[in-house]
PDB file of N, CA and C in Angstrom:
ATOM      1  N   MET A   1       8.180 -13.497   8.192  1.00  0.00           N
ATOM      2  CA  MET A   1       6.783 -12.920   8.694  1.00  0.00           C
ATOM      3  C   MET A   1       7.530 -11.793   8.171  1.00  0.00           C
ATOM      4  N   VAL A   2       6.367 -10.376   8.162  1.00  0.00           N
ATOM      5  CA  VAL A   2       6.841  -9.278   7.817  1.00  0.00           C
ATOM      6  C   VAL A   2       5.788  -8.309   8.947  1.00  0.00           C
ATOM      7  N   GLY A   3       6.428  -7.788   9.644  1.00  0.00           N
ATOM      8  CA  GLY A   3       5.315  -6.655  10.502  1.00  0.00           C
ATOM      9  C   GLY A   3       5.461  -5.256   9.864  1.00  0.00           C
ATOM     10  N   LEU A   4       4.687  -4.731  10.137  1.00  0.00           N
ATOM     11  CA  LEU A   4       4.563  -3.257   9.396  1.00  0.00           C
ATOM     12  C   LEU A   4       3.482  -2.508  10.061  1.00  0.00           C
ATOM     13  N   SER A   5       4.054  -0.990   9.534  1.00  0.00           N
ATOM     14  CA  SER A   5       3.247   0.091  10.157  1.00  0.00           C
ATOM     15  C   SER A   5       3.122   1.300   9.657  1.00  0.00           C
ATOM     16  N   VAL A   6       2.640   2.240   9.222  1.00  0.00           N
ATOM     17  CA  VAL A   6       2.745   3.884   8.634  1.00  0.00           C
ATOM     18  C   VAL A   6       2.539   4.997   9.468  1.00  0.00           C
ATOM     19  N   ALA A   7       3.446   5.750   8.899  1.00  0.00           N
ATOM     20  CA  ALA A   7       3.135   7.111  10.013  1.00  0.00           C
ATOM     21  C   ALA A   7       2.610   8.200   8.698  1.00  0.00           C
ATOM     22  N   LEU A   8       2.934   9.269   9.372  1.00  0.00           N
ATOM     23  CA  LEU A   8       2.198  10.566   8.625  1.00  0.00           C
ATOM     24  C   LEU A   8       3.638  11.138   7.603  1.00  0.00           C
ATOM     25  N   ALA A   9       3.183  11.900   6.560  1.00  0.00           N
ATOM     26  CA  ALA A   9       3.822  12.496   5.801  1.00  0.00           C
ATOM     27  C   ALA A   9       4.851  11.817   4.976  1.00  0.00           C
ATOM     28  N   GLY A  10       4.541  10.703   4.766  1.00  0.00           N
ATOM     29  CA  GLY A  10       5.193   9.896   3.656  1.00  0.00           C
ATOM     30  C   GLY A  10       6.250   8.874   4.472  1.00  0.00           C
ATOM     31  N   LEU A  11       6.371   9.034   5.680  1.00  0.00           N
ATOM     32  CA  LEU A  11       7.432   7.994   6.341  1.00  0.00           C
ATOM     33  C   LEU A  11       6.904   6.989   6.550  1.00  0.00           C
ATOM     34  N   ILE A  12       7.446   5.616   6.308  1.00  0.00           N
ATOM     35  CA  ILE A  12       7.470   4.019   6.414  1.00  0.00           C
ATOM     36  C   ILE A  12       8.000   3.737   7.516  1.00  0.00           C
ATOM     37  N   ALA A  13       7.788   3.099   8.641  1.00  0.00           N
ATOM     38  CA  ALA A  13       7.805   2.299   9.759  1.00  0.00           C
ATOM     39  C   ALA A  13       7.802   0.981   9.244  1.00  0.00           C
ATOM     40  N   ILE A  14       8.813   0.124   9.514  1.00  0.00           N
ATOM     41  CA  ILE A  14       8.570  -1.291   8.847  1.00  0.00           C
ATOM     42  C   ILE A  14       9.648  -2.033   9.186  1.00  0.00           C
ATOM     43  N   ALA A  15       9.113  -3.326   9.755  1.00  0.00           N
ATOM     44  CA  ALA A  15       9.893  -4.410  10.595  1.00  0.00           C
ATOM     45  C   ALA A  15       9.858  -5.658   9.793  1.00  0.00           C
ATOM     46  N   ILE A  16      11.013  -6.071   9.123  1.00  0.00           N
ATOM     47  CA  ILE A  16      11.016  -7.368   8.707  1.00  0.00           C
ATOM     48  C   ILE A  16      11.944  -8.090   9.609  1.00  0.00           C
ATOM     49  N   VAL A  17      10.912  -8.864   9.895  1.00  0.00           N
ATOM     50  CA  VAL A  17      11.401 -10.020  11.182  1.00  0.00           C
ATOM     51  C   VAL A  17      11.858 -11.343  10.363  1.00  0.00           C
ATOM     52  N   ARG A  18      13.105 -11.948  10.441  1.00  0.00           N
ATOM     53  CA  ARG A  18      13.477 -13.070  10.023  1.00  0.00           C
ATOM     54  C   ARG A  18      14.109 -13.942  10.978  1.00  0.00           C
ATOM     55  N   ALA A  19      14.463 -14.845  10.961  1.00  0.00           N
ATOM     56  CA  ALA A  19      15.363 -15.838  12.029  1.00  0.00           C
ATOM     57  C   ALA A  19      16.573 -15.225  13.027  1.00  0.00           C
ATOM     58  N   ALA A  20      17.272 -14.160  12.226  1.00  0.00           N
ATOM     59  CA  ALA A  20      18.053 -13.709  12.783  1.00  0.00           C
ATOM     60  C   ALA A  20      17.330 -12.137  13.699  1.00  0.00           C
ATOM     61  N   GLY A  21      16.039 -11.931  13.649  1.00  0.00           N
ATOM     62  CA  GLY A  21      15.395 -10.843  14.346  1.00  0.00           C
ATOM     63  C   GLY A  21      15.881  -9.670  14.021  1.00  0.00           C
ATOM     64  N   ASP A  22      15.961  -8.911  12.958  1.00  0.00           N
ATOM     65  CA  ASP A  22      15.904  -7.735  12.680  1.00  0.00           C
ATOM     66  C   ASP A  22      14.700  -6.523  13.511  1.00  0.00           C
ATOM     67  N   GLY A  23      15.194  -5.557  13.479  1.00  0.00           N
ATOM     68  CA  GLY A  23      14.589  -4.871  14.355  1.00  0.00           C
ATOM     69  C   GLY A  23      13.766  -3.749  13.053  1.00  0.00           C
ATOM     70  N   TRP A  24      13.156  -2.486  13.335  1.00  0.00           N
ATOM     71  CA  TRP A  24      12.183  -1.632  13.275  1.00  0.00           C
ATOM     72  C   TRP A  24      12.442  -0.734  12.485  1.00  0.00           C
ATOM     73  N   GLY A  25      12.462  -0.515  11.631  1.00  0.00           N
ATOM     74  CA  GLY A  25      13.324   1.169  10.646  1.00  0.00           C
ATOM     75  C   GLY A  25      12.327   2.012   9.990  1.00  0.00           C
ATOM     76  N   VAL A  26      12.756   2.985   9.760  1.00  0.00           N
ATOM     77  CA  VAL A  26      11.918   4.108   9.572  1.00  0.00           C
ATOM     78  C   VAL A  26      12.727   4.390   8.067  1.00  0.00           C
ATOM     79  N   GLN A  27      11.888   4.022   6.764  1.00  0.00           N
ATOM     80  CA  GLN A  27      12.164   4.686   5.417  1.00  0.00           C
ATOM     81  C   GLN A  27      11.556   5.679   4.999  1.00  0.00           C
ATOM     82  N   THR A  28      11.801   6.150   3.756  1.00  0.00           N
ATOM     83  CA  THR A  28      11.401   7.415   3.243  1.00  0.00           C
ATOM     84  C   THR A  28      10.633   7.108   2.392  1.00  0.00           C
ATOM     85  N   SER A  29       9.344   7.332   2.077  1.00  0.00           N
ATOM     86  CA  SER A  29       8.658   6.701   0.851  1.00  0.00           C
ATOM     87  C   SER A  29       8.835   7.399  -0.701  1.00  0.00           C
ATOM     88  N   GLY A  30       9.381   8.529  -0.480  1.00  0.00           N
ATOM     89  CA  GLY A  30       8.969   9.920  -1.677  1.00  0.00           C
ATOM     90  C   GLY A  30       8.215  10.288  -1.830  1.00  0.00           C
ATOM     91  N   THR A  31       7.188  10.330  -0.950  1.00  0.00           N
ATOM     92  CA  THR A  31       5.797  11.167  -1.113  1.00  0.00           C
ATOM     93  C   THR A  31       5.645  11.957   0.061  1.00  0.00           C
ATOM     94  N   THR A  32       5.262  13.354   0.351  1.00  0.00           N
ATOM     95  CA  THR A  32       4.655  14.054   0.974  1.00  0.00           C
ATOM     96  C   THR A  32       2.689  13.750   2.211  1.00  0.00           C
ATOM     97  N   ASN A  33       2.634  13.295   1.182  1.00  0.00           N
ATOM     98  CA  ASN A  33       1.219  12.758   1.592  1.00  0.00           C
ATOM     99  C   ASN A  33       1.100  11.438   2.291  1.00  0.00           C
ATOM    100  N   ASP A  34      -0.174  11.882   3.219  1.00  0.00           N
ATOM    101  CA  ASP A  34       0.122  10.617   4.250  1.00  0.00           C
ATOM    102  C   ASP A  34      -0.207   9.153   4.014  1.00  0.00           C
ATOM    103  N   LEU A  35       0.119   8.258   4.462  1.00  0.00           N
ATOM    104  CA  LEU A  35       0.250   7.136   4.065  1.00  0.00           C
ATOM    105  C   LEU A  35      -0.377   6.045   5.061  1.00  0.00           C
ATOM    106  N   ASN A  36      -1.762   5.228   4.640  1.00  0.00           N
ATOM    107  CA  ASN A  36      -2.869   4.598   5.434  1.00  0.00           C
ATOM    108  C   ASN A  36      -2.128   3.403   5.625  1.00  0.00           C
ATOM    109  N   ALA A  37      -2.042   2.716   4.808  1.00  0.00           N
ATOM    110  CA  ALA A  37      -1.560   1.116   4.898  1.00  0.00           C
ATOM    111  C   ALA A  37      -0.502   0.748   4.224  1.00  0.00           C
ATOM    112  N   VAL A  38      -0.081  -0.511   4.522  1.00  0.00           N
ATOM    113  CA  VAL A  38       1.058  -1.302   3.828  1.00  0.00           C
ATOM    114  C   VAL A  38       0.655  -2.880   4.028  1.00  0.00           C
ATOM    115  N   SER A  39       1.222  -3.183   2.651  1.00  0.00           N
ATOM    116  CA  SER A  39       1.087  -4.892   2.780  1.00  0.00           C
ATOM    117  C   SER A  39       2.116  -5.296   1.746  1.00  0.00           C
ATOM    118  N   CYS A  40       3.202  -6.541   2.489  1.00  0.00           N
ATOM    119  CA  CYS A  40       4.108  -6.948   1.902  1.00  0.00           C
ATOM    120  C   CYS A  40       3.708  -8.038   1.687  1.00  0.00           C
ATOM    121  N   SER A  41       4.019  -8.446   0.133  1.00  0.00           N
ATOM    122  CA  SER A  41       3.984  -9.957  -0.336  1.00  0.00           C
ATOM    123  C   SER A  41       4.903 -10.751  -0.012  1.00  0.00           C
ATOM    124  N   SER A  42       6.255 -10.173   0.582  1.00  0.00           N
ATOM    125  CA  SER A  42       7.266 -10.652   0.504  1.00  0.00           C
ATOM    126  C   SER A  42       8.355  -9.728   1.366  1.00  0.00           C
ATOM    127  N   THR A  43       9.753 -10.231   1.840  1.00  0.00           N
ATOM    128  CA  THR A  43      10.345  -9.037   2.762  1.00  0.00           C
ATOM    129  C   THR A  43      11.247  -8.304   1.513  1.00  0.00           C
ATOM    130  N   SER A  44      10.969  -8.221   0.283  1.00  0.00           N
ATOM    131  CA  SER A  44      11.040  -7.473  -0.427  1.00  0.00           C
ATOM    132  C   SER A  44       9.992  -6.385  -1.101  1.00  0.00           C
ATOM    133  N   ASN A  45       9.002  -7.400  -1.450  1.00  0.00           N
ATOM    134  CA  ASN A  45       8.159  -6.804  -2.309  1.00  0.00           C
ATOM    135  C   ASN A  45       6.512  -5.837  -1.519  1.00  0.00           C
ATOM    136  N   CYS A  46       6.878  -4.753  -1.411  1.00  0.00           N
ATOM    137  CA  CYS A  46       5.430  -4.198  -0.687  1.00  0.00           C
ATOM    138  C   CYS A  46       4.965  -2.783  -1.104  1.00  0.00           C
ATOM    139  N   TRP A  47       3.731  -2.629  -0.752  1.00  0.00           N
ATOM    140  CA  TRP A  47       3.110  -1.840  -1.262  1.00  0.00           C
ATOM    141  C   TRP A  47       2.336  -0.576  -0.113  1.00  0.00           C
ATOM    142  N   ALA A  48       2.533   0.713  -0.138  1.00  0.00           N
ATOM    143  CA  ALA A  48       2.206   1.598   0.950  1.00  0.00           C
ATOM    144  C   ALA A  48       0.768   2.420   0.112  1.00  0.00           C
ATOM    145  N   VAL A  49      -0.444   2.605   0.644  1.00  0.00           N
ATOM    146  CA  VAL A  49      -1.272   3.766  -0.165  1.00  0.00           C
ATOM    147  C   VAL A  49      -1.761   4.939   0.769  1.00  0.00           C
ATOM    148  N   GLY A  50      -2.402   5.635   0.108  1.00  0.00           N
ATOM    149  CA  GLY A  50      -2.290   7.068   1.152  1.00  0.00           C
ATOM    150  C   GLY A  50      -3.597   8.134   0.380  1.00  0.00           C
ATOM    151  N   GLY A  51      -3.264   9.119   0.930  1.00  0.00           N
ATOM    152  CA  GLY A  51      -4.193  10.709   0.328  1.00  0.00           C
ATOM    153  C   GLY A  51      -4.081  10.621  -0.951  1.00  0.00           C
ATOM    154  N   GLY A  52      -5.223  11.335  -1.460  1.00  0.00           N
ATOM    155  CA  GLY A  52      -4.986  11.668  -2.989  1.00  0.00           C
ATOM    156  C   GLY A  52      -4.500  10.395  -3.958  1.00  0.00           C
ATOM    157  N   GLY A  53      -5.016   8.913  -3.151  1.00  0.00           N
ATOM    158  CA  GLY A  53      -4.754   8.049  -4.406  1.00  0.00           C
ATOM    159  C   GLY A  53      -3.176   7.502  -4.272  1.00  0.00           C
ATOM    160  N   THR A  54      -2.417   8.280  -3.663  1.00  0.00           N
ATOM    161  CA  THR A  54      -1.255   7.621  -3.461  1.00  0.00           C
ATOM    162  C   THR A  54      -1.024   6.142  -3.292  1.00  0.00           C
ATOM    163  N   ILE A  55      -0.051   5.793  -3.990  1.00  0.00           N
ATOM    164  CA  ILE A  55       0.527   4.507  -3.770  1.00  0.00           C
ATOM    165  C   ILE A  55       1.683   4.221  -4.277  1.00  0.00           C
ATOM    166  N   VAL A  56       3.050   4.025  -3.400  1.00  0.00           N
ATOM    167  CA  VAL A  56       4.172   3.347  -3.659  1.00  0.00           C
ATOM    168  C   VAL A  56       4.579   2.061  -3.354  1.00  0.00           C
ATOM    169  N   ALA A  57       5.637   1.737  -3.969  1.00  0.00           N
ATOM    170  CA  ALA A  57       6.250   0.389  -3.941  1.00  0.00           C
ATOM    171  C   ALA A  57       7.336   0.463  -3.937  1.00  0.00           C
ATOM    172  N   THR A  58       7.920  -0.630  -2.994  1.00  0.00           N
ATOM    173  CA  THR A  58       9.126  -1.391  -3.220  1.00  0.00           C
ATOM    174  C   THR A  58       9.608  -2.635  -3.683  1.00  0.00           C
ATOM    175  N   VAL A  59      10.652  -3.074  -4.097  1.00  0.00           N
ATOM    176  CA  VAL A  59      10.669  -4.344  -4.610  1.00  0.00           C
ATOM    177  C   VAL A  59      11.890  -4.887  -4.025  1.00  0.00           C
ATOM    178  N   ASN A  60      12.786  -3.882  -3.411  1.00  0.00           N
ATOM    179  CA  ASN A  60      13.975  -4.233  -2.123  1.00  0.00           C
ATOM    180  C   ASN A  60      14.052  -3.852  -0.687  1.00  0.00           C
ATOM    181  N   GLY A  61      12.723  -4.275  -0.327  1.00  0.00           N
ATOM    182  CA  GLY A  61      12.815  -4.336   1.012  1.00  0.00           C
ATOM    183  C   GLY A  61      12.826  -2.933   1.674  1.00  0.00           C
ATOM    184  N   GLY A  62      12.698  -1.802   0.976  1.00  0.00           N
ATOM    185  CA  GLY A  62      12.181  -0.570   1.221  1.00  0.00           C
ATOM    186  C   GLY A  62      13.187   0.760   0.943  1.00  0.00           C
ATOM    187  N   THR A  63      14.389   0.026   0.521  1.00  0.00           N
ATOM    188  CA  THR A  63      15.770   0.687   0.268  1.00  0.00           C
ATOM    189  C   THR A  63      15.139   2.094  -0.249  1.00  0.00           C
ATOM    190  N   THR A  64      14.323   1.502  -1.457  1.00  0.00           N
ATOM    191  CA  THR A  64      13.678   2.508  -2.357  1.00  0.00           C
ATOM    192  C   THR A  64      12.386   2.672  -2.678  1.00  0.00           C
ATOM    193  N   TRP A  65      11.785   3.437  -2.503  1.00  0.00           N
ATOM    194  CA  TRP A  65       9.996   3.492  -2.888  1.00  0.00           C
ATOM    195  C   TRP A  65       9.898   4.077  -3.717  1.00  0.00           C
ATOM    196  N   THR A  66       8.897   3.827  -5.285  1.00  0.00           N
ATOM    197  CA  THR A  66       8.693   4.270  -6.668  1.00  0.00           C
ATOM    198  C   THR A  66       6.877   4.492  -6.618  1.00  0.00           C
ATOM    199  N   ALA A  67       6.362   5.797  -6.783  1.00  0.00           N
ATOM    200  CA  ALA A  67       5.220   6.051  -7.055  1.00  0.00           C
ATOM    201  C   ALA A  67       4.647   5.055  -8.268  1.00  0.00           C
ATOM    202  N   GLN A  68       3.568   4.939  -7.727  1.00  0.00           N
ATOM    203  CA  GLN A  68       2.603   4.111  -8.890  1.00  0.00           C
ATOM    204  C   GLN A  68       1.594   4.718  -9.254  1.00  0.00           C
ATOM    205  N   THR A  69       0.922   4.867 -10.825  1.00  0.00           N
ATOM    206  CA  THR A  69      -0.419   5.442 -10.738  1.00  0.00           C
ATOM    207  C   THR A  69      -1.316   4.767 -10.624  1.00  0.00           C
ATOM    208  N   SER A  70      -2.310   5.123  -9.488  1.00  0.00           N
ATOM    209  CA  SER A  70      -3.492   4.469  -9.333  1.00  0.00           C
ATOM    210  C   SER A  70      -4.824   4.674  -9.992  1.00  0.00           C
ATOM    211  N   ASN A  71      -5.022   5.928 -10.820  1.00  0.00           N
ATOM    212  CA  ASN A  71      -5.935   6.336 -11.402  1.00  0.00           C
ATOM    213  C   ASN A  71      -7.159   6.702 -10.615  1.00  0.00           C
ATOM    214  N   THR A  72      -7.048   6.897  -9.401  1.00  0.00           N
ATOM    215  CA  THR A  72      -7.815   7.575  -8.639  1.00  0.00           C
ATOM    216  C   THR A  72      -7.207   8.919  -7.660  1.00  0.00           C
ATOM    217  N   THR A  73      -8.342   9.993  -7.541  1.00  0.00           N
ATOM    218  CA  THR A  73      -7.528  10.954  -6.652  1.00  0.00           C
ATOM    219  C   THR A  73      -8.719  10.654  -5.188  1.00  0.00           C
ATOM    220  N   GLN A  74      -9.295   9.582  -4.751  1.00  0.00           N
ATOM    221  CA  GLN A  74      -9.869   9.204  -3.473  1.00  0.00           C
ATOM    222  C   GLN A  74      -8.452   8.880  -2.707  1.00  0.00           C
ATOM    223  N   THR A  75      -8.768   9.178  -1.361  1.00  0.00           N
ATOM    224  CA  THR A  75      -7.874   8.764  -0.386  1.00  0.00           C
ATOM    225  C   THR A  75      -7.802   7.634   0.032  1.00  0.00           C
ATOM    226  N   LEU A  76      -6.991   6.311  -0.313  1.00  0.00           N
ATOM    227  CA  LEU A  76      -6.730   4.884   0.100  1.00  0.00           C
ATOM    228  C   LEU A  76      -6.369   4.704   1.642  1.00  0.00           C
ATOM    229  N   TYR A  77      -7.549   3.817   1.707  1.00  0.00           N
ATOM    230  CA  TYR A  77      -7.143   3.483   3.673  1.00  0.00           C
ATOM    231  C   TYR A  77      -6.464   1.809   3.449  1.00  0.00           C
ATOM    232  N   GLY A  78      -6.827   1.112   2.814  1.00  0.00           N
ATOM    233  CA  GLY A  78      -6.098  -0.293   2.626  1.00  0.00           C
ATOM    234  C   GLY A  78      -5.553  -0.848   1.656  1.00  0.00           C
ATOM    235  N   VAL A  79      -5.041  -1.911   1.650  1.00  0.00           N
ATOM    236  CA  VAL A  79      -4.128  -2.616   0.401  1.00  0.00           C
ATOM    237  C   VAL A  79      -3.874  -4.101   1.135  1.00  0.00           C
ATOM    238  N   TYR A  80      -4.024  -4.849   0.256  1.00  0.00           N
ATOM    239  CA  TYR A  80      -3.627  -6.365   0.736  1.00  0.00           C
ATOM    240  C   TYR A  80      -3.134  -6.663  -0.994  1.00  0.00           C
ATOM    241  N   CYS A  81      -2.225  -7.478  -0.844  1.00  0.00           N
ATOM    242  CA  CYS A  81      -1.085  -7.862  -1.779  1.00  0.00           C
ATOM    243  C   CYS A  81      -0.917  -9.486  -1.840  1.00  0.00           C
ATOM    244  N   TYR A  82      -1.405 -10.253  -2.522  1.00  0.00           N
ATOM    245  CA  TYR A  82      -1.926 -11.737  -2.342  1.00  0.00           C
ATOM    246  C   TYR A  82      -0.316 -12.381  -2.727  1.00  0.00           C
ATOM    247  N   ASP A  83       0.429 -11.803  -3.409  1.00  0.00           N
ATOM    248  CA  ASP A  83       1.303 -12.352  -4.068  1.00  0.00           C
ATOM    249  C   ASP A  83       2.180 -11.205  -4.866  1.00  0.00           C
ATOM    250  N   ASN A  84       3.301 -11.095  -4.951  1.00  0.00           N
ATOM    251  CA  ASN A  84       4.330  -9.942  -5.930  1.00  0.00           C
ATOM    252  C   ASN A  84       3.662  -9.756  -7.012  1.00  0.00           C
ATOM    253  N   ASN A  85       2.685  -9.825  -7.479  1.00  0.00           N
ATOM    254  CA  ASN A  85       1.931  -8.885  -8.655  1.00  0.00           C
ATOM    255  C   ASN A  85       0.788  -8.710  -8.463  1.00  0.00           C
ATOM    256  N   HIS A  86      -0.363  -9.324  -7.519  1.00  0.00           N
ATOM    257  CA  HIS A  86      -1.705  -9.043  -7.470  1.00  0.00           C
ATOM    258  C   HIS A  86      -2.093  -8.359  -6.116  1.00  0.00           C
ATOM    259  N   CYS A  87      -2.586  -7.261  -6.157  1.00  0.00           N
ATOM    260  CA  CYS A  87      -3.111  -6.539  -4.728  1.00  0.00           C
ATOM    261  C   CYS A  87      -4.233  -5.667  -5.125  1.00  0.00           C
ATOM    262  N   GLU A  88      -4.863  -5.624  -3.939  1.00  0.00           N
ATOM    263  CA  GLU A  88      -6.489  -4.256  -4.129  1.00  0.00           C
ATOM    264  C   GLU A  88      -6.275  -3.644  -3.121  1.00  0.00           C
ATOM    265  N   ALA A  89      -6.379  -2.401  -3.561  1.00  0.00           N
ATOM    266  CA  ALA A  89      -6.680  -1.180  -2.529  1.00  0.00           C
ATOM    267  C   ALA A  89      -8.073  -0.628  -2.623  1.00  0.00           C
ATOM    268  N   GLY A  90      -8.623  -0.195  -1.510  1.00  0.00           N
ATOM    269  CA  GLY A  90      -9.594   0.203  -0.793  1.00  0.00           C
ATOM    270  C   GLY A  90      -9.926   1.741  -0.376  1.00  0.00           C
ATOM    271  N   GLY A  91     -10.896   2.655  -0.631  1.00  0.00           N
ATOM    272  CA  GLY A  91     -10.536   3.840   0.029  1.00  0.00           C
ATOM    273  C   GLY A  91     -12.116   4.447  -0.246  1.00  0.00           C
ATOM    274  N   ALA A  92     -11.945   5.914   0.048  1.00  0.00           N
ATOM    275  CA  ALA A  92     -13.000   6.842   0.124  1.00  0.00           C
ATOM    276  C   ALA A  92     -14.248   6.369  -0.987  1.00  0.00           C
ATOM    277  N   ALA A  93     -15.099   6.653  -0.655  1.00  0.00           N
ATOM    278  CA  ALA A  93     -16.695   6.579  -1.720  1.00  0.00           C
ATOM    279  C   ALA A  93     -16.579   5.083  -2.275  1.00  0.00           C
ATOM    280  N   GLY A  94     -15.765   4.270  -1.677  1.00  0.00           N
ATOM    281  CA  GLY A  94     -15.874   3.115  -2.074  1.00  0.00           C
ATOM    282  C   GLY A  94     -15.005   2.896  -3.396  1.00  0.00           C
ATOM    283  N   THR A  95     -14.215   3.347  -3.052  1.00  0.00           N
ATOM    284  CA  THR A  95     -13.159   3.066  -4.167  1.00  0.00           C
ATOM    285  C   THR A  95     -12.466   1.542  -4.115  1.00  0.00           C
ATOM    286  N   ILE A  96     -12.541   0.510  -5.275  1.00  0.00           N
ATOM    287  CA  ILE A  96     -11.499  -0.563  -4.805  1.00  0.00           C
ATOM    288  C   ILE A  96     -10.958  -0.182  -6.128  1.00  0.00           C
ATOM    289  N   ILE A  97      -9.463  -0.603  -6.182  1.00  0.00           N
ATOM    290  CA  ILE A  97      -8.805  -0.321  -7.427  1.00  0.00           C
ATOM    291  C   ILE A  97      -7.805  -1.964  -7.272  1.00  0.00           C
ATOM    292  N   GLY A  98      -7.272  -2.456  -8.308  1.00  0.00           N
ATOM    293  CA  GLY A  98      -6.572  -3.723  -8.271  1.00  0.00           C
ATOM    294  C   GLY A  98      -5.891  -3.531  -9.328  1.00  0.00           C
ATOM    295  N   THR A  99      -4.278  -4.424  -9.365  1.00  0.00           N
ATOM    296  CA  THR A  99      -3.219  -4.971 -10.514  1.00  0.00           C
ATOM    297  C   THR A  99      -3.108  -6.274  -9.993  1.00  0.00           C
ATOM    298  N   SER A 100      -2.758  -6.888 -11.747  1.00  0.00           N
ATOM    299  CA  SER A 100      -2.475  -7.841 -11.756  1.00  0.00           C
ATOM    300  C   SER A 100      -0.891  -8.245 -12.448  1.00  0.00           C
ATOM    301  N   ASN A 101      -0.076  -6.981 -12.462  1.00  0.00           N
ATOM    302  CA  ASN A 101       1.039  -6.960 -12.951  1.00  0.00           C
ATOM    303  C   ASN A 101       2.031  -5.836 -12.113  1.00  0.00           C
ATOM    304  N   ALA A 102       1.870  -6.271 -10.799  1.00  0.00           N
ATOM    305  CA  ALA A 102       2.972  -5.466  -9.653  1.00  0.00           C
ATOM    306  C   ALA A 102       2.964  -4.122  -9.708  1.00  0.00           C
ATOM    307  N   GLY A 103       2.018  -3.400 -10.040  1.00  0.00           N
ATOM    308  CA  GLY A 103       1.445  -2.232  -9.867  1.00  0.00           C
ATOM    309  C   GLY A 103       1.962  -1.395 -11.347  1.00  0.00           C
ATOM    310  N   ALA A 104       1.891  -2.187 -12.709  1.00  0.00           N
ATOM    311  CA  ALA A 104       2.330  -1.307 -13.539  1.00  0.00           C
ATOM    312  C   ALA A 104       1.003  -0.242 -14.136  1.00  0.00           C
ATOM    313  N   THR A 105      -0.110  -1.486 -13.705  1.00  0.00           N
ATOM    314  CA  THR A 105      -1.351  -0.449 -13.873  1.00  0.00           C
ATOM    315  C   THR A 105      -2.161  -0.884 -13.161  1.00  0.00           C
ATOM    316  N   TRP A 106      -3.355  -0.143 -12.545  1.00  0.00           N
ATOM    317  CA  TRP A 106      -3.977  -0.155 -11.402  1.00  0.00           C
ATOM    318  C   TRP A 106      -5.233  -0.172 -12.264  1.00  0.00           C
ATOM    319  N   THR A 107      -6.582  -0.744 -12.084  1.00  0.00           N
ATOM    320  CA  THR A 107      -7.706  -0.862 -12.809  1.00  0.00           C
ATOM    321  C   THR A 107      -9.146  -0.816 -11.475  1.00  0.00           C
ATOM    322  N   THR A 108      -9.754   0.142 -11.859  1.00  0.00           N
ATOM    323  CA  THR A 108     -11.103   0.051 -11.082  1.00  0.00           C
ATOM    324  C   THR A 108     -11.475  -0.509 -11.210  1.00  0.00           C
ATOM    325  N   GLN A 109     -12.326  -1.026  -9.625  1.00  0.00           N
ATOM    326  CA  GLN A 109     -13.239  -2.328  -9.738  1.00  0.00           C
ATOM    327  C   GLN A 109     -14.789  -1.925  -9.141  1.00  0.00           C
ATOM    328  N   THR A 110     -15.653  -2.535  -9.401  1.00  0.00           N
ATOM    329  CA  THR A 110     -16.941  -1.683  -9.322  1.00  0.00           C
ATOM    330  C   THR A 110     -17.334  -2.363  -7.724  1.00  0.00           C
ATOM    331  N   SER A 111     -17.823  -1.448  -6.495  1.00  0.00           N
ATOM    332  CA  SER A 111     -17.863  -1.818  -5.312  1.00  0.00           C
ATOM    333  C   SER A 111     -19.599  -1.791  -4.663  1.00  0.00           C
ATOM    334  N   ASN A 112     -19.932  -0.728  -5.644  1.00  0.00           N
ATOM    335  CA  ASN A 112     -21.607  -0.460  -5.545  1.00  0.00           C
ATOM    336  C   ASN A 112     -21.662   0.084  -4.056  1.00  0.00           C
ATOM    337  N   ILE A 113     -20.972   0.890  -3.414  1.00  0.00           N
ATOM    338  CA  ILE A 113     -20.742   1.555  -2.358  1.00  0.00           C
ATOM    339  C   ILE A 113     -21.181   2.946  -2.741  1.00  0.00           C
ATOM    340  N   THR A 114     -21.703   3.195  -1.854  1.00  0.00           N
ATOM    341  CA  THR A 114     -21.920   5.012  -2.213  1.00  0.00           C
ATOM    342  C   THR A 114     -20.903   6.074  -1.483  1.00  0.00           C
ATOM    343  N   ASN A 115     -20.931   7.156  -1.780  1.00  0.00           N
ATOM    344  CA  ASN A 115     -20.045   8.205  -1.140  1.00  0.00           C
ATOM    345  C   ASN A 115     -20.264   8.007  -0.133  1.00  0.00           C
ATOM    346  N   GLY A 116     -19.047   8.768   0.773  1.00  0.00           N
ATOM    347  CA  GLY A 116     -19.045   8.600   2.430  1.00  0.00           C
ATOM    348  C   GLY A 116     -18.541   7.428   3.195  1.00  0.00           C
ATOM    349  N   SER A 117     -18.252   6.548   2.156  1.00  0.00           N
ATOM    350  CA  SER A 117     -17.847   5.160   2.776  1.00  0.00           C
ATOM    351  C   SER A 117     -16.374   5.154   2.927  1.00  0.00           C
ATOM    352  N   ARG A 118     -15.888   4.477   3.826  1.00  0.00           N
ATOM    353  CA  ARG A 118     -14.383   4.717   3.772  1.00  0.00           C
ATOM    354  C   ARG A 118     -13.914   3.068   4.234  1.00  0.00           C
ATOM    355  N   ARG A 119     -13.270   2.371   2.753  1.00  0.00           N
ATOM    356  CA  ARG A 119     -13.159   0.949   3.172  1.00  0.00           C
ATOM    357  C   ARG A 119     -11.329   1.185   4.041  1.00  0.00           C
ATOM    358  N   ARG A 120     -11.322   0.583   5.115  1.00  0.00           N
ATOM    359  CA  ARG A 120     -10.531   0.673   5.832  1.00  0.00           C
ATOM    360  C   ARG A 120      -9.490  -0.474   5.523  1.00  0.00           C
ATOM    361  N   GLY A 121      -9.894  -1.597   5.603  1.00  0.00           N
ATOM    362  CA  GLY A 121      -8.746  -2.635   5.567  1.00  0.00           C
ATOM    363  C   GLY A 121      -9.235  -3.688   4.275  1.00  0.00           C
ATOM    364  N   LEU A 122      -8.241  -4.296   3.989  1.00  0.00           N
ATOM    365  CA  LEU A 122      -8.314  -5.358   2.847  1.00  0.00           C
ATOM    366  C   LEU A 122      -7.573  -7.148   3.320  1.00  0.00           C
ATOM    367  N   HIS A 123      -8.069  -7.838   3.504  1.00  0.00           N
ATOM    368  CA  HIS A 123      -7.269  -9.294   3.458  1.00  0.00           C
ATOM    369  C   HIS A 123      -8.078 -10.399   3.210  1.00  0.00           C
ATOM    370  N   GLU A 124      -7.288 -11.187   3.205  1.00  0.00           N
ATOM    371  CA  GLU A 124      -7.637 -12.948   2.773  1.00  0.00           C
ATOM    372  C   GLU A 124      -9.111 -12.967   3.104  1.00  0.00           C
TER     373      GLU A 124
END
């Protein structure tokens, strides 16, 4: 089970709860943009999204975070990762983007939502 939260200025607070009961810790994301949401498909693989289309990802439980190209400048408010390859993110002005290759590429998906909309969450 993975519990998570995000904070301002690119700091990520994440708890990986295992049978041993690890606690919360702050991780540096490598971005100064605000981060609004995190989704983890495993205890190692997580994505965080935020201001200006920011996406950062980790494959090692947050030891390091790497920027990914979102192909949008809209603020992203929500992200959900189904597995280690497939994620969707949503944000301002009806923005929806998705990846099927662990974030190597993110593609725009049609939402038919007009400007002013803010998609806050994505889930199963």
